Amino acid sequence: MEMSKSHQKLLKLSRKAQECKDRKTAQKLIRKADKIHSKLST
């Protein structure tokens, strides 16, 4: 995965999580963001 593309995904997911009205959905998005972040740091 390209660095810029994965960073864009992280920003998109965090924006969606902040705008979420439902807590469960926000937590799901945060888990996805954590997964992408862990792939970036390896």
N, C-alpha and C. Protein backbone atom coordinates (compact mmCIF):
# COMPACT_ATOMS: atom_id res chain seq x y z
N MET A 1 0.84 -1.18 0.00
CA MET A 1 0.00 0.00 0.00
C MET A 1 0.89 1.24 0.00
N GLU A 2 0.54 2.17 -0.80
CA GLU A 2 1.30 3.41 -0.91
C GLU A 2 1.10 4.27 0.34
N MET A 3 2.16 4.96 0.75
CA MET A 3 2.07 5.78 1.96
C MET A 3 0.98 6.84 1.86
N SER A 4 0.97 7.58 0.79
CA SER A 4 0.00 8.66 0.68
C SER A 4 -1.44 8.12 0.66
N LYS A 5 -1.62 7.00 -0.01
CA LYS A 5 -2.96 6.41 -0.09
C LYS A 5 -3.44 5.95 1.28
N SER A 6 -2.56 5.32 2.04
CA SER A 6 -2.96 4.85 3.36
C SER A 6 -3.18 6.01 4.32
N HIS A 7 -2.41 7.08 4.17
CA HIS A 7 -2.65 8.26 5.01
C HIS A 7 -4.01 8.88 4.68
N GLN A 8 -4.35 8.89 3.41
CA GLN A 8 -5.66 9.41 3.01
C GLN A 8 -6.77 8.57 3.62
N LYS A 9 -6.58 7.25 3.64
CA LYS A 9 -7.58 6.37 4.25
C LYS A 9 -7.74 6.67 5.74
N LEU A 10 -6.61 6.89 6.42
CA LEU A 10 -6.67 7.20 7.85
C LEU A 10 -7.44 8.49 8.10
N LEU A 11 -7.16 9.51 7.30
CA LEU A 11 -7.86 10.78 7.47
C LEU A 11 -9.35 10.63 7.20
N LYS A 12 -9.68 9.87 6.18
CA LYS A 12 -11.09 9.65 5.83
C LYS A 12 -11.82 8.92 6.95
N LEU A 13 -11.19 7.88 7.49
CA LEU A 13 -11.81 7.11 8.57
C LEU A 13 -11.97 7.95 9.83
N SER A 14 -10.97 8.75 10.16
CA SER A 14 -11.08 9.55 11.38
C SER A 14 -12.16 10.61 11.23
N ARG A 15 -12.29 11.18 10.03
CA ARG A 15 -13.34 12.16 9.78
C ARG A 15 -14.71 11.52 9.93
N LYS A 16 -14.87 10.31 9.37
CA LYS A 16 -16.15 9.60 9.47
C LYS A 16 -16.47 9.27 10.93
N ALA A 17 -15.45 8.86 11.69
CA ALA A 17 -15.66 8.50 13.09
C ALA A 17 -16.09 9.71 13.91
N GLN A 18 -15.54 10.87 13.60
CA GLN A 18 -15.90 12.08 14.34
C GLN A 18 -17.33 12.52 14.03
N GLU A 19 -17.76 12.29 12.79
CA GLU A 19 -19.10 12.72 12.39
C GLU A 19 -20.19 11.72 12.76
N CYS A 20 -19.79 10.53 13.21
CA CYS A 20 -20.75 9.47 13.53
C CYS A 20 -21.64 9.86 14.70
N LYS A 21 -22.89 9.48 14.57
CA LYS A 21 -23.82 9.70 15.67
C LYS A 21 -23.92 8.46 16.54
N ASP A 22 -23.62 7.31 15.96
CA ASP A 22 -23.72 6.03 16.65
C ASP A 22 -22.35 5.63 17.20
N ARG A 23 -22.29 5.31 18.46
CA ARG A 23 -21.02 4.99 19.12
C ARG A 23 -20.40 3.71 18.55
N LYS A 24 -21.22 2.69 18.30
CA LYS A 24 -20.71 1.42 17.79
C LYS A 24 -20.05 1.59 16.43
N THR A 25 -20.67 2.37 15.58
CA THR A 25 -20.12 2.60 14.25
C THR A 25 -18.80 3.36 14.35
N ALA A 26 -18.75 4.33 15.23
CA ALA A 26 -17.52 5.10 15.41
C ALA A 26 -16.40 4.19 15.91
N GLN A 27 -16.70 3.31 16.85
CA GLN A 27 -15.69 2.39 17.36
C GLN A 27 -15.19 1.45 16.28
N LYS A 28 -16.10 1.01 15.41
CA LYS A 28 -15.74 0.14 14.30
C LYS A 28 -14.76 0.85 13.36
N LEU A 29 -15.05 2.12 13.07
CA LEU A 29 -14.18 2.89 12.20
C LEU A 29 -12.82 3.13 12.85
N ILE A 30 -12.81 3.34 14.15
CA ILE A 30 -11.55 3.55 14.87
C ILE A 30 -10.71 2.29 14.84
N ARG A 31 -11.36 1.13 14.97
CA ARG A 31 -10.63 -0.14 14.88
C ARG A 31 -9.99 -0.31 13.50
N LYS A 32 -10.72 0.07 12.46
CA LYS A 32 -10.17 0.00 11.11
C LYS A 32 -8.97 0.92 10.98
N ALA A 33 -9.08 2.12 11.54
CA ALA A 33 -7.98 3.08 11.48
C ALA A 33 -6.76 2.55 12.23
N ASP A 34 -6.99 1.91 13.36
CA ASP A 34 -5.88 1.32 14.12
C ASP A 34 -5.17 0.24 13.30
N LYS A 35 -5.95 -0.55 12.59
CA LYS A 35 -5.39 -1.61 11.76
C LYS A 35 -4.51 -1.02 10.65
N ILE A 36 -4.99 0.02 10.00
CA ILE A 36 -4.21 0.67 8.94
C ILE A 36 -2.96 1.29 9.53
N HIS A 37 -3.09 1.90 10.71
CA HIS A 37 -1.94 2.54 11.35
C HIS A 37 -0.87 1.51 11.70
N SER A 38 -1.28 0.35 12.15
CA SER A 38 -0.30 -0.69 12.49
C SER A 38 0.42 -1.18 11.25
N LYS A 39 -0.27 -1.24 10.12
CA LYS A 39 0.37 -1.63 8.87
C LYS A 39 1.39 -0.58 8.43
N LEU A 40 1.09 0.68 8.70
CA LEU A 40 2.00 1.76 8.33
C LEU A 40 3.28 1.73 9.16
N SER A 41 3.17 1.38 10.42
CA SER A 41 4.33 1.42 11.30
C SER A 41 5.27 0.23 11.13
N THR A 42 4.85 -0.79 10.41
CA THR A 42 5.75 -1.94 10.20
C THR A 42 6.62 -1.75 8.99
